[in-house]
Amino acid sequence: TVPRYADSVKGRFTVSPDGAKNSVY
């Protein structure tokens, strides 16, 4: 929830947590 991105990367970068793998990409 509440994703937030710098203007310089908005639309190009994506943060994706994965609870099953205990990782964030």
mmCIF file of all heavy atoms, coordinates in Angstrom:
data_MODEL
# 
_entry.id   MODEL 
# 
loop_
_atom_site.group_PDB 
_atom_site.id 
_atom_site.type_symbol 
_atom_site.label_atom_id 
_atom_site.label_alt_id 
_atom_site.label_comp_id 
_atom_site.label_asym_id 
_atom_site.label_entity_id 
_atom_site.label_seq_id 
_atom_site.pdbx_PDB_ins_code 
_atom_site.Cartn_x 
_atom_site.Cartn_y 
_atom_site.Cartn_z 
_atom_site.occupancy 
_atom_site.B_iso_or_equiv 
_atom_site.pdbx_formal_charge 
_atom_site.auth_seq_id 
_atom_site.auth_comp_id 
_atom_site.auth_asym_id 
_atom_site.auth_atom_id 
_atom_site.pdbx_PDB_model_num 
ATOM 1   N N   . THR A 1 1  ? 0.818  -1.200  0.000   1.00 0.00 ? 1  THR A N   1 
ATOM 2   C CA  . THR A 1 1  ? 0.000  0.000   0.000   1.00 0.00 ? 1  THR A CA  1 
ATOM 3   C C   . THR A 1 1  ? 0.860  1.260   0.000   1.00 0.00 ? 1  THR A C   1 
ATOM 4   O O   . THR A 1 1  ? 2.057  1.223   0.239   1.00 0.00 ? 1  THR A O   1 
ATOM 5   C CB  . THR A 1 1  ? -0.956 0.015   1.200   1.00 0.00 ? 1  THR A CB  1 
ATOM 6   O OG1 . THR A 1 1  ? -0.199 -0.064  2.417   1.00 0.00 ? 1  THR A OG1 1 
ATOM 7   C CG2 . THR A 1 1  ? -1.920 -1.164  1.126   1.00 0.00 ? 1  THR A CG2 1 
ATOM 8   N N   . VAL A 1 2  ? 0.235  2.385   -0.243  1.00 0.00 ? 2  VAL A N   1 
ATOM 9   C CA  . VAL A 1 2  ? 0.823  3.735   -0.306  1.00 0.00 ? 2  VAL A CA  1 
ATOM 10  C C   . VAL A 1 2  ? 2.139  3.786   -1.078  1.00 0.00 ? 2  VAL A C   1 
ATOM 11  O O   . VAL A 1 2  ? 3.133  4.326   -0.590  1.00 0.00 ? 2  VAL A O   1 
ATOM 12  C CB  . VAL A 1 2  ? 0.969  4.371   1.104   1.00 0.00 ? 2  VAL A CB  1 
ATOM 13  C CG1 . VAL A 1 2  ? -0.395 4.600   1.703   1.00 0.00 ? 2  VAL A CG1 1 
ATOM 14  C CG2 . VAL A 1 2  ? 1.835  3.518   2.035   1.00 0.00 ? 2  VAL A CG2 1 
ATOM 15  N N   . PRO A 1 3  ? 2.195  3.270   -2.307  1.00 0.00 ? 3  PRO A N   1 
ATOM 16  C CA  . PRO A 1 3  ? 3.432  3.374   -3.095  1.00 0.00 ? 3  PRO A CA  1 
ATOM 17  C C   . PRO A 1 3  ? 3.778  4.822   -3.410  1.00 0.00 ? 3  PRO A C   1 
ATOM 18  O O   . PRO A 1 3  ? 2.889  5.662   -3.586  1.00 0.00 ? 3  PRO A O   1 
ATOM 19  C CB  . PRO A 1 3  ? 3.108  2.583   -4.369  1.00 0.00 ? 3  PRO A CB  1 
ATOM 20  C CG  . PRO A 1 3  ? 1.618  2.659   -4.494  1.00 0.00 ? 3  PRO A CG  1 
ATOM 21  C CD  . PRO A 1 3  ? 1.109  2.614   -3.082  1.00 0.00 ? 3  PRO A CD  1 
ATOM 22  N N   . ARG A 1 4  ? 5.077  5.087   -3.504  1.00 0.00 ? 4  ARG A N   1 
ATOM 23  C CA  . ARG A 1 4  ? 5.553  6.442   -3.760  1.00 0.00 ? 4  ARG A CA  1 
ATOM 24  C C   . ARG A 1 4  ? 6.846  6.363   -4.555  1.00 0.00 ? 4  ARG A C   1 
ATOM 25  O O   . ARG A 1 4  ? 7.693  5.517   -4.283  1.00 0.00 ? 4  ARG A O   1 
ATOM 26  C CB  . ARG A 1 4  ? 5.788  7.178   -2.436  1.00 0.00 ? 4  ARG A CB  1 
ATOM 27  C CG  . ARG A 1 4  ? 6.161  8.641   -2.561  1.00 0.00 ? 4  ARG A CG  1 
ATOM 28  C CD  . ARG A 1 4  ? 6.363  9.228   -1.181  1.00 0.00 ? 4  ARG A CD  1 
ATOM 29  N NE  . ARG A 1 4  ? 6.522  10.668  -1.201  1.00 0.00 ? 4  ARG A NE  1 
ATOM 30  C CZ  . ARG A 1 4  ? 6.671  11.425  -0.127  1.00 0.00 ? 4  ARG A CZ  1 
ATOM 31  N NH1 . ARG A 1 4  ? 6.669  10.868  1.077   1.00 0.00 ? 4  ARG A NH1 1 
ATOM 32  N NH2 . ARG A 1 4  ? 6.810  12.734  -0.240  1.00 0.00 ? 4  ARG A NH2 1 
ATOM 33  N N   . TYR A 1 5  ? 7.010  7.256   -5.549  1.00 0.00 ? 5  TYR A N   1 
ATOM 34  C CA  . TYR A 1 5  ? 8.186  7.241   -6.405  1.00 0.00 ? 5  TYR A CA  1 
ATOM 35  C C   . TYR A 1 5  ? 8.722  8.646   -6.615  1.00 0.00 ? 5  TYR A C   1 
ATOM 36  O O   . TYR A 1 5  ? 7.969  9.624   -6.625  1.00 0.00 ? 5  TYR A O   1 
ATOM 37  C CB  . TYR A 1 5  ? 7.867  6.635   -7.772  1.00 0.00 ? 5  TYR A CB  1 
ATOM 38  C CG  . TYR A 1 5  ? 7.430  5.201   -7.711  1.00 0.00 ? 5  TYR A CG  1 
ATOM 39  C CD1 . TYR A 1 5  ? 6.084  4.872   -7.635  1.00 0.00 ? 5  TYR A CD1 1 
ATOM 40  C CD2 . TYR A 1 5  ? 8.362  4.169   -7.721  1.00 0.00 ? 5  TYR A CD2 1 
ATOM 41  C CE1 . TYR A 1 5  ? 5.674  3.554   -7.567  1.00 0.00 ? 5  TYR A CE1 1 
ATOM 42  C CE2 . TYR A 1 5  ? 7.964  2.849   -7.655  1.00 0.00 ? 5  TYR A CE2 1 
ATOM 43  C CZ  . TYR A 1 5  ? 6.619  2.544   -7.575  1.00 0.00 ? 5  TYR A CZ  1 
ATOM 44  O OH  . TYR A 1 5  ? 6.222  1.228   -7.511  1.00 0.00 ? 5  TYR A OH  1 
ATOM 45  N N   . ALA A 1 6  ? 10.025 8.733   -6.800  1.00 0.00 ? 6  ALA A N   1 
ATOM 46  C CA  . ALA A 1 6  ? 10.628 9.994   -7.197  1.00 0.00 ? 6  ALA A CA  1 
ATOM 47  C C   . ALA A 1 6  ? 10.142 10.362  -8.597  1.00 0.00 ? 6  ALA A C   1 
ATOM 48  O O   . ALA A 1 6  ? 9.912  9.491   -9.441  1.00 0.00 ? 6  ALA A O   1 
ATOM 49  C CB  . ALA A 1 6  ? 12.149 9.887   -7.176  1.00 0.00 ? 6  ALA A CB  1 
ATOM 50  N N   . ASP A 1 7  ? 10.000 11.668  -8.856  1.00 0.00 ? 7  ASP A N   1 
ATOM 51  C CA  . ASP A 1 7  ? 9.536  12.109  -10.167 1.00 0.00 ? 7  ASP A CA  1 
ATOM 52  C C   . ASP A 1 7  ? 10.440 11.616  -11.295 1.00 0.00 ? 7  ASP A C   1 
ATOM 53  O O   . ASP A 1 7  ? 9.968  11.334  -12.400 1.00 0.00 ? 7  ASP A O   1 
ATOM 54  C CB  . ASP A 1 7  ? 9.457  13.636  -10.212 1.00 0.00 ? 7  ASP A CB  1 
ATOM 55  C CG  . ASP A 1 7  ? 8.313  14.186  -9.387  1.00 0.00 ? 7  ASP A CG  1 
ATOM 56  O OD1 . ASP A 1 7  ? 7.384  13.423  -9.056  1.00 0.00 ? 7  ASP A OD1 1 
ATOM 57  O OD2 . ASP A 1 7  ? 8.341  15.386  -9.073  1.00 0.00 ? 7  ASP A OD2 1 
ATOM 58  N N   . SER A 1 8  ? 11.724 11.483  -11.025 1.00 0.00 ? 8  SER A N   1 
ATOM 59  C CA  . SER A 1 8  ? 12.679 11.094  -12.050 1.00 0.00 ? 8  SER A CA  1 
ATOM 60  C C   . SER A 1 8  ? 12.506 9.653   -12.527 1.00 0.00 ? 8  SER A C   1 
ATOM 61  O O   . SER A 1 8  ? 12.989 9.301   -13.607 1.00 0.00 ? 8  SER A O   1 
ATOM 62  C CB  . SER A 1 8  ? 14.114 11.298  -11.552 1.00 0.00 ? 8  SER A CB  1 
ATOM 63  O OG  . SER A 1 8  ? 14.358 10.538  -10.381 1.00 0.00 ? 8  SER A OG  1 
ATOM 64  N N   . VAL A 1 9  ? 11.824 8.808   -11.735 1.00 0.00 ? 9  VAL A N   1 
ATOM 65  C CA  . VAL A 1 9  ? 11.661 7.402   -12.103 1.00 0.00 ? 9  VAL A CA  1 
ATOM 66  C C   . VAL A 1 9  ? 10.205 7.000   -12.268 1.00 0.00 ? 9  VAL A C   1 
ATOM 67  O O   . VAL A 1 9  ? 9.930  5.864   -12.679 1.00 0.00 ? 9  VAL A O   1 
ATOM 68  C CB  . VAL A 1 9  ? 12.334 6.462   -11.078 1.00 0.00 ? 9  VAL A CB  1 
ATOM 69  C CG1 . VAL A 1 9  ? 13.786 6.854   -10.863 1.00 0.00 ? 9  VAL A CG1 1 
ATOM 70  C CG2 . VAL A 1 9  ? 11.569 6.464   -9.751  1.00 0.00 ? 9  VAL A CG2 1 
ATOM 71  N N   . LYS A 1 10 ? 9.285  7.889   -11.976 1.00 0.00 ? 10 LYS A N   1 
ATOM 72  C CA  . LYS A 1 10 ? 7.859  7.575   -12.038 1.00 0.00 ? 10 LYS A CA  1 
ATOM 73  C C   . LYS A 1 10 ? 7.467  7.122   -13.443 1.00 0.00 ? 10 LYS A C   1 
ATOM 74  O O   . LYS A 1 10 ? 7.811  7.765   -14.429 1.00 0.00 ? 10 LYS A O   1 
ATOM 75  C CB  . LYS A 1 10 ? 7.046  8.792   -11.607 1.00 0.00 ? 10 LYS A CB  1 
ATOM 76  C CG  . LYS A 1 10 ? 5.600  8.495   -11.245 1.00 0.00 ? 10 LYS A CG  1 
ATOM 77  C CD  . LYS A 1 10 ? 4.928  9.730   -10.649 1.00 0.00 ? 10 LYS A CD  1 
ATOM 78  C CE  . LYS A 1 10 ? 5.636  10.185  -9.380  1.00 0.00 ? 10 LYS A CE  1 
ATOM 79  N NZ  . LYS A 1 10 ? 4.985  11.379  -8.773  1.00 0.00 ? 10 LYS A NZ  1 
ATOM 80  N N   . GLY A 1 11 ? 6.764  5.993   -13.510 1.00 0.00 ? 11 GLY A N   1 
ATOM 81  C CA  . GLY A 1 11 ? 6.363  5.425   -14.786 1.00 0.00 ? 11 GLY A CA  1 
ATOM 82  C C   . GLY A 1 11 ? 7.368  4.471   -15.377 1.00 0.00 ? 11 GLY A C   1 
ATOM 83  O O   . GLY A 1 11 ? 7.040  3.747   -16.328 1.00 0.00 ? 11 GLY A O   1 
ATOM 84  N N   . ARG A 1 12 ? 8.597  4.452   -14.851 1.00 0.00 ? 12 ARG A N   1 
ATOM 85  C CA  . ARG A 1 12 ? 9.637  3.555   -15.343 1.00 0.00 ? 12 ARG A CA  1 
ATOM 86  C C   . ARG A 1 12 ? 10.015 2.479   -14.330 1.00 0.00 ? 12 ARG A C   1 
ATOM 87  O O   . ARG A 1 12 ? 10.368 1.366   -14.716 1.00 0.00 ? 12 ARG A O   1 
ATOM 88  C CB  . ARG A 1 12 ? 10.899 4.338   -15.717 1.00 0.00 ? 12 ARG A CB  1 
ATOM 89  C CG  . ARG A 1 12 ? 10.694 5.362   -16.825 1.00 0.00 ? 12 ARG A CG  1 
ATOM 90  C CD  . ARG A 1 12 ? 12.030 5.957   -17.283 1.00 0.00 ? 12 ARG A CD  1 
ATOM 91  N NE  . ARG A 1 12 ? 12.695 6.700   -16.214 1.00 0.00 ? 12 ARG A NE  1 
ATOM 92  C CZ  . ARG A 1 12 ? 13.903 6.409   -15.733 1.00 0.00 ? 12 ARG A CZ  1 
ATOM 93  N NH1 . ARG A 1 12 ? 14.594 5.387   -16.232 1.00 0.00 ? 12 ARG A NH1 1 
ATOM 94  N NH2 . ARG A 1 12 ? 14.435 7.145   -14.769 1.00 0.00 ? 12 ARG A NH2 1 
ATOM 95  N N   . PHE A 1 13 ? 9.970  2.815   -13.043 1.00 0.00 ? 13 PHE A N   1 
ATOM 96  C CA  . PHE A 1 13 ? 10.368 1.894   -11.976 1.00 0.00 ? 13 PHE A CA  1 
ATOM 97  C C   . PHE A 1 13 ? 9.142  1.450   -11.190 1.00 0.00 ? 13 PHE A C   1 
ATOM 98  O O   . PHE A 1 13 ? 8.184  2.218   -11.023 1.00 0.00 ? 13 PHE A O   1 
ATOM 99  C CB  . PHE A 1 13 ? 11.342 2.564   -11.003 1.00 0.00 ? 13 PHE A CB  1 
ATOM 100 C CG  . PHE A 1 13 ? 12.709 2.858   -11.555 1.00 0.00 ? 13 PHE A CG  1 
ATOM 101 C CD1 . PHE A 1 13 ? 12.994 2.747   -12.908 1.00 0.00 ? 13 PHE A CD1 1 
ATOM 102 C CD2 . PHE A 1 13 ? 13.726 3.257   -10.691 1.00 0.00 ? 13 PHE A CD2 1 
ATOM 103 C CE1 . PHE A 1 13 ? 14.258 3.030   -13.409 1.00 0.00 ? 13 PHE A CE1 1 
ATOM 104 C CE2 . PHE A 1 13 ? 14.992 3.540   -11.176 1.00 0.00 ? 13 PHE A CE2 1 
ATOM 105 C CZ  . PHE A 1 13 ? 15.262 3.427   -12.532 1.00 0.00 ? 13 PHE A CZ  1 
ATOM 106 N N   . THR A 1 14 ? 9.189  0.217   -10.666 1.00 0.00 ? 14 THR A N   1 
ATOM 107 C CA  . THR A 1 14 ? 8.103  -0.324  -9.858  1.00 0.00 ? 14 THR A CA  1 
ATOM 108 C C   . THR A 1 14 ? 8.662  -1.094  -8.672  1.00 0.00 ? 14 THR A C   1 
ATOM 109 O O   . THR A 1 14 ? 9.518  -1.963  -8.843  1.00 0.00 ? 14 THR A O   1 
ATOM 110 C CB  . THR A 1 14 ? 7.195  -1.260  -10.673 1.00 0.00 ? 14 THR A CB  1 
ATOM 111 O OG1 . THR A 1 14 ? 6.700  -0.575  -11.831 1.00 0.00 ? 14 THR A OG1 1 
ATOM 112 C CG2 . THR A 1 14 ? 6.011  -1.718  -9.823  1.00 0.00 ? 14 THR A CG2 1 
ATOM 113 N N   . VAL A 1 15 ? 8.171  -0.784  -7.477  1.00 0.00 ? 15 VAL A N   1 
ATOM 114 C CA  . VAL A 1 15 ? 8.538  -1.506  -6.264  1.00 0.00 ? 15 VAL A CA  1 
ATOM 115 C C   . VAL A 1 15 ? 7.478  -2.569  -6.005  1.00 0.00 ? 15 VAL A C   1 
ATOM 116 O O   . VAL A 1 15 ? 6.290  -2.255  -5.959  1.00 0.00 ? 15 VAL A O   1 
ATOM 117 C CB  . VAL A 1 15 ? 8.647  -0.555  -5.058  1.00 0.00 ? 15 VAL A CB  1 
ATOM 118 C CG1 . VAL A 1 15 ? 8.889  -1.341  -3.768  1.00 0.00 ? 15 VAL A CG1 1 
ATOM 119 C CG2 . VAL A 1 15 ? 9.761  0.464   -5.278  1.00 0.00 ? 15 VAL A CG2 1 
ATOM 120 N N   . SER A 1 16 ? 7.903  -3.828  -5.822  1.00 0.00 ? 16 SER A N   1 
ATOM 121 C CA  . SER A 1 16 ? 6.968  -4.937  -5.678  1.00 0.00 ? 16 SER A CA  1 
ATOM 122 C C   . SER A 1 16 ? 7.372  -5.851  -4.526  1.00 0.00 ? 16 SER A C   1 
ATOM 123 O O   . SER A 1 16 ? 8.252  -6.704  -4.690  1.00 0.00 ? 16 SER A O   1 
ATOM 124 C CB  . SER A 1 16 ? 6.885  -5.749  -6.969  1.00 0.00 ? 16 SER A CB  1 
ATOM 125 O OG  . SER A 1 16 ? 6.486  -4.945  -8.064  1.00 0.00 ? 16 SER A OG  1 
ATOM 126 N N   . PRO A 1 17 ? 6.744  -5.707  -3.366  1.00 0.00 ? 17 PRO A N   1 
ATOM 127 C CA  . PRO A 1 17 ? 7.004  -6.662  -2.277  1.00 0.00 ? 17 PRO A CA  1 
ATOM 128 C C   . PRO A 1 17 ? 6.397  -8.024  -2.586  1.00 0.00 ? 17 PRO A C   1 
ATOM 129 O O   . PRO A 1 17 ? 5.351  -8.112  -3.231  1.00 0.00 ? 17 PRO A O   1 
ATOM 130 C CB  . PRO A 1 17 ? 6.311  -6.024  -1.069  1.00 0.00 ? 17 PRO A CB  1 
ATOM 131 C CG  . PRO A 1 17 ? 6.047  -4.598  -1.461  1.00 0.00 ? 17 PRO A CG  1 
ATOM 132 C CD  . PRO A 1 17 ? 5.841  -4.625  -2.941  1.00 0.00 ? 17 PRO A CD  1 
ATOM 133 N N   . ASP A 1 18 ? 7.056  -9.080  -2.133  1.00 0.00 ? 18 ASP A N   1 
ATOM 134 C CA  . ASP A 1 18 ? 6.570  -10.443 -2.309  1.00 0.00 ? 18 ASP A CA  1 
ATOM 135 C C   . ASP A 1 18 ? 6.696  -11.147 -0.973  1.00 0.00 ? 18 ASP A C   1 
ATOM 136 O O   . ASP A 1 18 ? 7.771  -11.611 -0.604  1.00 0.00 ? 18 ASP A O   1 
ATOM 137 C CB  . ASP A 1 18 ? 7.363  -11.164 -3.388  1.00 0.00 ? 18 ASP A CB  1 
ATOM 138 C CG  . ASP A 1 18 ? 6.776  -12.524 -3.743  1.00 0.00 ? 18 ASP A CG  1 
ATOM 139 O OD1 . ASP A 1 18 ? 6.086  -13.120 -2.898  1.00 0.00 ? 18 ASP A OD1 1 
ATOM 140 O OD2 . ASP A 1 18 ? 7.014  -12.991 -4.870  1.00 0.00 ? 18 ASP A OD2 1 
ATOM 141 N N   . GLY A 1 19 ? 5.587  -11.228 -0.244  1.00 0.00 ? 19 GLY A N   1 
ATOM 142 C CA  . GLY A 1 19 ? 5.607  -11.828 1.077   1.00 0.00 ? 19 GLY A CA  1 
ATOM 143 C C   . GLY A 1 19 ? 5.983  -13.293 1.071   1.00 0.00 ? 19 GLY A C   1 
ATOM 144 O O   . GLY A 1 19 ? 6.623  -13.771 2.007   1.00 0.00 ? 19 GLY A O   1 
ATOM 145 N N   . ALA A 1 20 ? 5.600  -14.030 0.028   1.00 0.00 ? 20 ALA A N   1 
ATOM 146 C CA  . ALA A 1 20 ? 5.899  -15.452 -0.046  1.00 0.00 ? 20 ALA A CA  1 
ATOM 147 C C   . ALA A 1 20 ? 7.399  -15.708 -0.129  1.00 0.00 ? 20 ALA A C   1 
ATOM 148 O O   . ALA A 1 20 ? 7.878  -16.757 0.313   1.00 0.00 ? 20 ALA A O   1 
ATOM 149 C CB  . ALA A 1 20 ? 5.190  -16.082 -1.242  1.00 0.00 ? 20 ALA A CB  1 
ATOM 150 N N   . LYS A 1 21 ? 8.147  -14.771 -0.701  1.00 0.00 ? 21 LYS A N   1 
ATOM 151 C CA  . LYS A 1 21 ? 9.593  -14.925 -0.857  1.00 0.00 ? 21 LYS A CA  1 
ATOM 152 C C   . LYS A 1 21 ? 10.391 -14.049 0.098   1.00 0.00 ? 21 LYS A C   1 
ATOM 153 O O   . LYS A 1 21 ? 11.622 -14.026 0.029   1.00 0.00 ? 21 LYS A O   1 
ATOM 154 C CB  . LYS A 1 21 ? 10.003 -14.623 -2.295  1.00 0.00 ? 21 LYS A CB  1 
ATOM 155 C CG  . LYS A 1 21 ? 9.413  -15.578 -3.309  1.00 0.00 ? 21 LYS A CG  1 
ATOM 156 C CD  . LYS A 1 21 ? 9.913  -15.275 -4.704  1.00 0.00 ? 21 LYS A CD  1 
ATOM 157 C CE  . LYS A 1 21 ? 9.370  -16.276 -5.709  1.00 0.00 ? 21 LYS A CE  1 
ATOM 158 N NZ  . LYS A 1 21 ? 9.856  -15.996 -7.081  1.00 0.00 ? 21 LYS A NZ  1 
ATOM 159 N N   . ASN A 1 22 ? 9.705  -13.320 0.958   1.00 0.00 ? 22 ASN A N   1 
ATOM 160 C CA  . ASN A 1 22 ? 10.365 -12.392 1.882   1.00 0.00 ? 22 ASN A CA  1 
ATOM 161 C C   . ASN A 1 22 ? 11.349 -11.486 1.153   1.00 0.00 ? 22 ASN A C   1 
ATOM 162 O O   . ASN A 1 22 ? 12.490 -11.293 1.581   1.00 0.00 ? 22 ASN A O   1 
ATOM 163 C CB  . ASN A 1 22 ? 11.061 -13.149 3.011   1.00 0.00 ? 22 ASN A CB  1 
ATOM 164 C CG  . ASN A 1 22 ? 10.193 -13.266 4.250   1.00 0.00 ? 22 ASN A CG  1 
ATOM 165 O OD1 . ASN A 1 22 ? 9.029  -13.640 4.164   1.00 0.00 ? 22 ASN A OD1 1 
ATOM 166 N ND2 . ASN A 1 22 ? 10.752 -12.941 5.409   1.00 0.00 ? 22 ASN A ND2 1 
ATOM 167 N N   . SER A 1 23 ? 10.884 -10.925 0.036   1.00 0.00 ? 23 SER A N   1 
ATOM 168 C CA  . SER A 1 23 ? 11.725 -10.076 -0.794  1.00 0.00 ? 23 SER A CA  1 
ATOM 169 C C   . SER A 1 23 ? 10.928 -8.896  -1.313  1.00 0.00 ? 23 SER A C   1 
ATOM 170 O O   . SER A 1 23 ? 9.704  -8.950  -1.408  1.00 0.00 ? 23 SER A O   1 
ATOM 171 C CB  . SER A 1 23 ? 12.299 -10.857 -1.979  1.00 0.00 ? 23 SER A CB  1 
ATOM 172 O OG  . SER A 1 23 ? 13.142 -11.912 -1.553  1.00 0.00 ? 23 SER A OG  1 
ATOM 173 N N   . VAL A 1 24 ? 11.647 -7.840  -1.652  1.00 0.00 ? 24 VAL A N   1 
ATOM 174 C CA  . VAL A 1 24 ? 11.057 -6.714  -2.352  1.00 0.00 ? 24 VAL A CA  1 
ATOM 175 C C   . VAL A 1 24 ? 11.904 -6.446  -3.590  1.00 0.00 ? 24 VAL A C   1 
ATOM 176 O O   . VAL A 1 24 ? 13.137 -6.454  -3.520  1.00 0.00 ? 24 VAL A O   1 
ATOM 177 C CB  . VAL A 1 24 ? 10.943 -5.462  -1.446  1.00 0.00 ? 24 VAL A CB  1 
ATOM 178 C CG1 . VAL A 1 24 ? 12.308 -5.031  -0.917  1.00 0.00 ? 24 VAL A CG1 1 
ATOM 179 C CG2 . VAL A 1 24 ? 10.261 -4.326  -2.190  1.00 0.00 ? 24 VAL A CG2 1 
ATOM 180 N N   . TYR A 1 25 ? 11.247 -6.224  -4.726  1.00 0.00 ? 25 TYR A N   1 
ATOM 181 C CA  . TYR A 1 25 ? 11.935 -6.058  -5.991  1.00 0.00 ? 25 TYR A CA  1 
ATOM 182 C C   . TYR A 1 25 ? 11.813 -4.623  -6.488  1.00 0.00 ? 25 TYR A C   1 
ATOM 183 O O   . TYR A 1 25 ? 10.844 -3.925  -6.205  1.00 0.00 ? 25 TYR A O   1 
ATOM 184 C CB  . TYR A 1 25 ? 11.354 -7.005  -7.040  1.00 0.00 ? 25 TYR A CB  1 
ATOM 185 C CG  . TYR A 1 25 ? 11.393 -8.449  -6.616  1.00 0.00 ? 25 TYR A CG  1 
ATOM 186 C CD1 . TYR A 1 25 ? 10.263 -9.075  -6.096  1.00 0.00 ? 25 TYR A CD1 1 
ATOM 187 C CD2 . TYR A 1 25 ? 12.569 -9.192  -6.711  1.00 0.00 ? 25 TYR A CD2 1 
ATOM 188 C CE1 . TYR A 1 25 ? 10.298 -10.396 -5.693  1.00 0.00 ? 25 TYR A CE1 1 
ATOM 189 C CE2 . TYR A 1 25 ? 12.610 -10.515 -6.311  1.00 0.00 ? 25 TYR A CE2 1 
ATOM 190 C CZ  . TYR A 1 25 ? 11.477 -11.111 -5.806  1.00 0.00 ? 25 TYR A CZ  1 
ATOM 191 O OH  . TYR A 1 25 ? 11.527 -12.427 -5.405  1.00 0.00 ? 25 TYR A OH  1 
# 
